[in-house]
N, C-alpha and C. Protein backbone atom coordinates (compact mmCIF):
# COMPACT_ATOMS: atom_id res chain seq x y z
N UNK A 1 -9.53 -7.06 -12.74
CA UNK A 1 -10.35 -7.43 -11.61
C UNK A 1 -11.51 -6.45 -11.46
N UNK A 2 -11.27 -5.22 -11.84
CA UNK A 2 -12.31 -4.22 -11.73
C UNK A 2 -13.49 -4.52 -12.65
N UNK A 3 -13.19 -4.98 -13.88
CA UNK A 3 -14.26 -5.31 -14.84
C UNK A 3 -15.15 -6.41 -14.30
N UNK A 4 -14.57 -7.36 -13.61
CA UNK A 4 -15.34 -8.48 -13.06
C UNK A 4 -15.99 -8.14 -11.72
N UNK A 5 -15.85 -6.90 -11.30
CA UNK A 5 -16.39 -6.41 -10.03
C UNK A 5 -15.85 -7.18 -8.83
N UNK A 6 -14.55 -7.45 -8.89
CA UNK A 6 -13.90 -8.13 -7.78
C UNK A 6 -13.21 -7.14 -6.85
N UNK A 7 -13.19 -5.87 -7.26
CA UNK A 7 -12.62 -4.81 -6.44
C UNK A 7 -13.73 -3.86 -6.01
N UNK A 8 -13.54 -3.14 -4.92
CA UNK A 8 -14.55 -2.15 -4.51
C UNK A 8 -14.71 -1.09 -5.59
N UNK A 9 -15.93 -0.61 -5.77
CA UNK A 9 -16.19 0.42 -6.77
C UNK A 9 -15.55 1.73 -6.34
N UNK A 10 -14.78 2.33 -7.25
CA UNK A 10 -14.14 3.60 -6.94
C UNK A 10 -14.30 4.60 -8.08
N UNK A 11 -14.67 4.13 -9.26
CA UNK A 11 -14.82 5.01 -10.42
C UNK A 11 -16.16 5.72 -10.33
N UNK A 12 -16.14 7.03 -10.49
CA UNK A 12 -17.37 7.81 -10.37
C UNK A 12 -18.22 7.74 -11.64
N UNK A 13 -17.58 7.60 -12.80
CA UNK A 13 -18.34 7.53 -14.04
C UNK A 13 -17.54 6.80 -15.10
N UNK A 14 -18.24 6.36 -16.14
CA UNK A 14 -17.59 5.67 -17.24
C UNK A 14 -18.38 4.43 -17.62
N UNK A 15 -18.01 3.84 -18.73
CA UNK A 15 -18.70 2.65 -19.22
C UNK A 15 -17.68 1.66 -19.76
N UNK A 16 -17.97 0.40 -19.58
CA UNK A 16 -17.18 -0.68 -20.15
C UNK A 16 -18.15 -1.59 -20.87
N UNK A 17 -17.95 -1.74 -22.17
CA UNK A 17 -18.85 -2.57 -22.97
C UNK A 17 -18.19 -3.88 -23.34
N UNK A 18 -18.97 -4.94 -23.30
CA UNK A 18 -18.57 -6.26 -23.77
C UNK A 18 -19.78 -6.86 -24.45
N UNK A 19 -19.67 -7.18 -25.75
CA UNK A 19 -20.79 -7.72 -26.53
C UNK A 19 -22.06 -6.90 -26.36
N UNK A 20 -21.93 -5.58 -26.46
CA UNK A 20 -23.05 -4.63 -26.35
C UNK A 20 -23.68 -4.57 -24.96
N UNK A 21 -23.04 -5.13 -23.96
CA UNK A 21 -23.52 -5.02 -22.58
C UNK A 21 -22.65 -4.00 -21.85
N UNK A 22 -23.29 -3.08 -21.17
CA UNK A 22 -22.55 -2.16 -20.31
C UNK A 22 -22.29 -2.89 -19.00
N UNK A 23 -21.05 -3.33 -18.81
CA UNK A 23 -20.71 -4.15 -17.64
C UNK A 23 -20.85 -3.39 -16.32
N UNK A 24 -20.83 -2.09 -16.37
CA UNK A 24 -20.93 -1.31 -15.15
C UNK A 24 -22.37 -0.91 -14.84
N UNK A 25 -23.29 -1.22 -15.73
CA UNK A 25 -24.70 -0.89 -15.51
C UNK A 25 -25.25 -1.73 -14.36
N UNK A 26 -26.08 -1.12 -13.56
CA UNK A 26 -26.70 -1.85 -12.44
C UNK A 26 -27.68 -2.91 -12.97
N UNK A 27 -28.15 -2.75 -14.22
CA UNK A 27 -29.10 -3.70 -14.79
C UNK A 27 -28.41 -4.97 -15.30
N UNK A 28 -27.10 -4.92 -15.52
CA UNK A 28 -26.37 -6.07 -16.04
C UNK A 28 -26.18 -7.10 -14.94
N UNK A 29 -26.61 -8.32 -15.21
CA UNK A 29 -26.40 -9.40 -14.24
C UNK A 29 -25.00 -9.97 -14.47
N UNK A 30 -24.04 -9.42 -13.76
CA UNK A 30 -22.64 -9.79 -13.94
C UNK A 30 -22.40 -11.26 -13.60
N UNK A 31 -23.25 -11.82 -12.75
CA UNK A 31 -23.06 -13.22 -12.37
C UNK A 31 -23.27 -14.16 -13.55
N UNK A 32 -24.12 -13.78 -14.49
CA UNK A 32 -24.36 -14.62 -15.67
C UNK A 32 -23.18 -14.57 -16.64
N UNK A 33 -22.38 -13.53 -16.53
CA UNK A 33 -21.24 -13.34 -17.44
C UNK A 33 -19.96 -13.82 -16.80
N UNK A 34 -19.78 -13.52 -15.52
CA UNK A 34 -18.53 -13.84 -14.83
C UNK A 34 -18.30 -15.35 -14.79
N UNK A 35 -17.12 -15.75 -15.18
CA UNK A 35 -16.76 -17.16 -15.14
C UNK A 35 -17.04 -17.89 -16.44
N UNK A 36 -18.20 -17.67 -17.02
CA UNK A 36 -18.54 -18.38 -18.25
C UNK A 36 -18.16 -17.59 -19.50
N UNK A 37 -18.28 -16.28 -19.46
CA UNK A 37 -17.96 -15.45 -20.62
C UNK A 37 -16.67 -14.65 -20.42
N UNK A 38 -16.49 -14.12 -19.23
CA UNK A 38 -15.30 -13.35 -18.89
C UNK A 38 -14.74 -13.94 -17.60
N UNK A 39 -13.46 -14.21 -17.61
CA UNK A 39 -12.86 -14.72 -16.38
C UNK A 39 -11.43 -14.22 -16.28
N UNK A 40 -10.84 -14.46 -15.16
CA UNK A 40 -9.48 -14.02 -14.93
C UNK A 40 -8.67 -15.21 -14.45
N UNK A 41 -7.49 -15.35 -15.01
CA UNK A 41 -6.58 -16.39 -14.55
C UNK A 41 -5.57 -15.71 -13.65
N UNK A 42 -5.65 -15.99 -12.35
CA UNK A 42 -4.73 -15.40 -11.40
C UNK A 42 -3.40 -16.13 -11.52
N UNK A 43 -2.34 -15.38 -11.63
CA UNK A 43 -1.02 -15.99 -11.78
C UNK A 43 -0.13 -15.54 -10.64
N UNK A 44 -0.09 -16.35 -9.64
CA UNK A 44 0.80 -16.08 -8.52
C UNK A 44 2.22 -16.45 -8.96
N UNK A 45 3.20 -15.62 -8.68
CA UNK A 45 4.56 -15.91 -9.13
C UNK A 45 5.12 -17.20 -8.54
N UNK A 46 4.63 -17.59 -7.38
CA UNK A 46 5.14 -18.82 -6.76
C UNK A 46 4.24 -20.03 -7.06
N UNK A 47 3.13 -19.81 -7.77
CA UNK A 47 2.21 -20.91 -8.04
C UNK A 47 1.75 -20.88 -9.50
N UNK A 48 2.65 -21.16 -10.45
CA UNK A 48 2.24 -21.18 -11.86
C UNK A 48 1.42 -22.43 -12.14
N UNK A 49 1.12 -22.66 -13.40
CA UNK A 49 0.42 -23.89 -13.76
C UNK A 49 1.21 -25.08 -13.22
N UNK A 50 0.50 -26.11 -12.82
CA UNK A 50 1.12 -27.29 -12.24
C UNK A 50 1.89 -28.06 -13.32
N UNK A 51 3.20 -28.22 -13.17
CA UNK A 51 3.99 -28.91 -14.20
C UNK A 51 3.71 -30.41 -14.28
N UNK A 52 3.01 -30.97 -13.31
CA UNK A 52 2.69 -32.39 -13.33
C UNK A 52 1.61 -32.68 -14.37
N UNK A 53 0.75 -31.69 -14.64
CA UNK A 53 -0.35 -31.86 -15.59
C UNK A 53 -0.11 -31.02 -16.83
N UNK A 54 -0.63 -31.48 -17.96
CA UNK A 54 -0.50 -30.70 -19.17
C UNK A 54 -1.37 -29.45 -19.08
N UNK A 55 -1.05 -28.46 -19.90
CA UNK A 55 -1.86 -27.24 -19.93
C UNK A 55 -3.29 -27.60 -20.33
N UNK A 56 -3.42 -28.50 -21.30
CA UNK A 56 -4.75 -28.93 -21.73
C UNK A 56 -5.57 -29.54 -20.61
N UNK A 57 -4.94 -30.35 -19.77
CA UNK A 57 -5.65 -30.95 -18.63
C UNK A 57 -6.12 -29.88 -17.65
N UNK A 58 -5.29 -28.87 -17.46
CA UNK A 58 -5.66 -27.81 -16.51
C UNK A 58 -6.76 -26.92 -17.06
N UNK A 59 -6.75 -26.66 -18.38
CA UNK A 59 -7.84 -25.90 -19.00
C UNK A 59 -9.11 -26.73 -18.95
N UNK A 60 -9.00 -28.02 -19.24
CA UNK A 60 -10.17 -28.91 -19.21
C UNK A 60 -10.79 -28.96 -17.82
N UNK A 61 -9.96 -28.95 -16.79
CA UNK A 61 -10.47 -28.96 -15.41
C UNK A 61 -11.26 -27.69 -15.12
N UNK A 62 -10.74 -26.55 -15.58
CA UNK A 62 -11.46 -25.28 -15.39
C UNK A 62 -12.80 -25.32 -16.12
N UNK A 63 -12.80 -25.84 -17.34
CA UNK A 63 -14.05 -25.95 -18.11
C UNK A 63 -15.04 -26.87 -17.42
N UNK A 64 -14.54 -27.89 -16.75
CA UNK A 64 -15.41 -28.81 -16.02
C UNK A 64 -16.19 -28.09 -14.93
N UNK A 65 -15.54 -27.13 -14.28
CA UNK A 65 -16.20 -26.39 -13.20
C UNK A 65 -17.12 -25.28 -13.71
N UNK A 66 -16.84 -24.78 -14.92
CA UNK A 66 -17.58 -23.62 -15.43
C UNK A 66 -18.64 -23.95 -16.47
N UNK A 67 -18.62 -25.15 -17.01
CA UNK A 67 -19.55 -25.48 -18.10
C UNK A 67 -20.19 -26.84 -17.86
N UNK A 68 -21.13 -27.16 -18.70
CA UNK A 68 -21.76 -28.49 -18.67
C UNK A 68 -21.25 -29.36 -19.81
N UNK A 69 -20.09 -29.02 -20.37
CA UNK A 69 -19.54 -29.77 -21.50
C UNK A 69 -19.11 -31.17 -21.06
N UNK A 70 -19.31 -32.14 -21.96
CA UNK A 70 -18.81 -33.49 -21.66
C UNK A 70 -17.30 -33.53 -21.91
N UNK A 71 -16.67 -34.64 -21.59
CA UNK A 71 -15.21 -34.75 -21.66
C UNK A 71 -14.68 -34.44 -23.05
N UNK A 72 -15.31 -34.99 -24.08
CA UNK A 72 -14.83 -34.79 -25.44
C UNK A 72 -14.88 -33.30 -25.84
N UNK A 73 -15.97 -32.63 -25.48
CA UNK A 73 -16.11 -31.22 -25.83
C UNK A 73 -15.15 -30.35 -25.02
N UNK A 74 -14.88 -30.73 -23.77
CA UNK A 74 -13.90 -29.99 -22.97
C UNK A 74 -12.51 -30.10 -23.59
N UNK A 75 -12.16 -31.31 -24.04
CA UNK A 75 -10.84 -31.52 -24.67
C UNK A 75 -10.74 -30.69 -25.93
N UNK A 76 -11.79 -30.70 -26.75
CA UNK A 76 -11.79 -29.92 -27.99
C UNK A 76 -11.68 -28.42 -27.68
N UNK A 77 -12.41 -27.96 -26.69
CA UNK A 77 -12.36 -26.54 -26.31
C UNK A 77 -10.98 -26.15 -25.78
N UNK A 78 -10.37 -27.03 -25.00
CA UNK A 78 -9.04 -26.70 -24.46
C UNK A 78 -8.01 -26.67 -25.58
N UNK A 79 -8.15 -27.54 -26.59
CA UNK A 79 -7.24 -27.49 -27.75
C UNK A 79 -7.42 -26.19 -28.52
N UNK A 80 -8.66 -25.78 -28.70
CA UNK A 80 -8.95 -24.53 -29.41
C UNK A 80 -8.37 -23.35 -28.64
N UNK A 81 -8.54 -23.34 -27.33
CA UNK A 81 -8.03 -22.24 -26.51
C UNK A 81 -6.51 -22.14 -26.60
N UNK A 82 -5.85 -23.27 -26.70
CA UNK A 82 -4.39 -23.26 -26.76
C UNK A 82 -3.86 -22.84 -28.12
N UNK A 83 -4.68 -22.94 -29.16
CA UNK A 83 -4.20 -22.58 -30.50
C UNK A 83 -4.72 -21.24 -30.98
N UNK A 84 -5.71 -20.67 -30.29
CA UNK A 84 -6.25 -19.35 -30.69
C UNK A 84 -5.20 -18.27 -30.49
N UNK A 85 -5.20 -17.33 -31.40
CA UNK A 85 -4.32 -16.17 -31.29
C UNK A 85 -5.19 -14.93 -31.22
N UNK A 86 -4.93 -14.08 -30.25
CA UNK A 86 -5.75 -12.89 -30.06
C UNK A 86 -5.03 -11.67 -30.55
């Protein structure tokens, strides 16, 4: 949450780089990165993924809100996300 600047700043010094961008730099427009390039999936212990919908449907819904991808590209992206290994 700290990387996405969702917490109050408390670190006095340091750098966090992502794709050659210093995320803590005042010059970095974090809004252009947050959500589309870096995001966080909050996992509440009492509210996991909805079992009524497939994981792919739930990923596709998130992509619908964050991107301009059409339905076919969202489905392809959600399949890729589910098979990628990090």
